[in-house]
Structure formats: structure tokens, C-alpha cells
Amino acid sequence: MIEDFDYAPDTVDLAPGDLLVLYTDGISEAVNPAGEQYGRERLRAAYEHAVEQRYRFYSYGDCMFIE
């Protein structure tokens, strides 16, 4: 977290079947050996592919798994 940053609370209503995806910049800013960032577009494409394939997401501790 950034020190001295005023984080404002917020709410969102989710309905059955809605999916909330949370990620950190550690994912989108990860780089490969060529120095290329993974990027938000590639992250979005990976998510869309997983949804199209009807993968099941679940987490255990601080790890996320996809079946």
C-alpha cells in the first residue's frame, strides 16, 4: 500500500453468476526474459479464454487454482 494515500471505501452489488476478478500490478507488470510485460490486455485475454472454456476457479490460502 502507498503510505499517506486516502483509500475510499466503496461497495458493489454482485448477483448470482457475477464474477469479480481482483489482481495486483505484480501480475500485469510481470516481465518475461525478453523484458516484455505481461500486460493488462494479455491478462484480459487469459481471463476471457478461461471463461470460454468454463474453467472453475478456486483458491486455497493465497494461491489461485484453475480446473
Protein backbone atom coordinates (compact mmCIF):
# COMPACT_ATOMS: atom_id res chain seq x y z
CA MET A 1 0.00 0.00 0.00
CA ILE A 2 1.06 3.56 -0.59
CA GLU A 3 1.72 5.49 2.59
CA ASP A 4 -0.41 8.57 3.24
CA PHE A 5 -2.88 7.63 0.49
CA ASP A 6 -6.54 8.14 1.27
CA TYR A 7 -8.27 4.92 0.26
CA ALA A 8 -12.00 5.48 -0.06
CA PRO A 9 -14.34 2.63 0.85
CA ASP A 10 -16.75 1.54 -1.84
CA THR A 11 -19.34 -1.16 -2.41
CA VAL A 12 -20.53 -3.14 -5.39
CA ASP A 13 -23.61 -5.33 -5.66
CA LEU A 14 -22.99 -8.78 -7.12
CA ALA A 15 -25.75 -11.01 -8.37
CA PRO A 16 -25.67 -14.80 -8.67
CA GLY A 17 -23.44 -15.68 -11.60
CA ASP A 18 -21.42 -12.44 -11.42
CA LEU A 19 -17.67 -12.78 -11.19
CA LEU A 20 -15.32 -10.35 -9.50
CA VAL A 21 -11.70 -10.58 -10.63
CA LEU A 22 -9.06 -8.97 -8.44
CA TYR A 23 -5.39 -8.83 -9.28
CA THR A 24 -2.32 -6.84 -8.37
CA ASP A 25 0.05 -4.99 -10.64
CA GLY A 26 2.51 -7.80 -9.91
CA ILE A 27 0.62 -9.87 -12.49
CA SER A 28 0.15 -7.31 -15.26
CA GLU A 29 3.66 -5.88 -14.79
CA ALA A 30 5.46 -9.24 -14.65
CA VAL A 31 8.14 -9.47 -17.34
CA ASN A 32 9.44 -12.34 -19.42
CA PRO A 33 13.16 -12.92 -20.16
CA ALA A 34 12.88 -10.50 -23.13
CA GLY A 35 11.75 -7.75 -20.75
CA GLU A 36 8.18 -7.64 -22.09
CA GLN A 37 5.42 -7.02 -19.56
CA TYR A 38 2.53 -9.46 -19.34
CA GLY A 39 0.17 -6.50 -19.63
CA ARG A 40 -3.49 -5.88 -18.97
CA GLU A 41 -4.60 -6.96 -22.45
CA ARG A 42 -2.90 -10.35 -22.14
CA LEU A 43 -4.39 -10.76 -18.66
CA ARG A 44 -7.83 -9.92 -20.05
CA ALA A 45 -7.37 -12.42 -22.90
CA ALA A 46 -6.35 -15.15 -20.43
CA TYR A 47 -9.41 -14.44 -18.31
CA GLU A 48 -11.74 -14.47 -21.35
CA HIS A 49 -10.25 -17.76 -22.52
CA ALA A 50 -10.77 -19.31 -19.09
CA VAL A 51 -14.41 -18.17 -19.05
CA GLU A 52 -15.00 -19.50 -22.58
CA GLN A 53 -13.54 -22.87 -21.56
CA ARG A 54 -15.73 -22.82 -18.43
CA TYR A 55 -12.74 -23.33 -16.15
CA ARG A 56 -13.56 -23.48 -12.47
CA PHE A 57 -11.59 -21.07 -10.30
CA TYR A 58 -10.95 -21.65 -6.64
CA SER A 59 -8.42 -20.51 -4.11
CA TYR A 60 -6.61 -22.01 -1.18
CA GLY A 61 -4.74 -19.64 1.07
CA ASP A 62 -3.02 -17.11 -1.14
CA CYS A 63 -2.99 -19.36 -4.23
CA MET A 64 -5.48 -19.48 -7.09
CA PHE A 65 -6.16 -22.68 -8.99
CA ILE A 66 -7.96 -23.28 -12.26
CA GLU A 67 -9.54 -26.59 -13.25
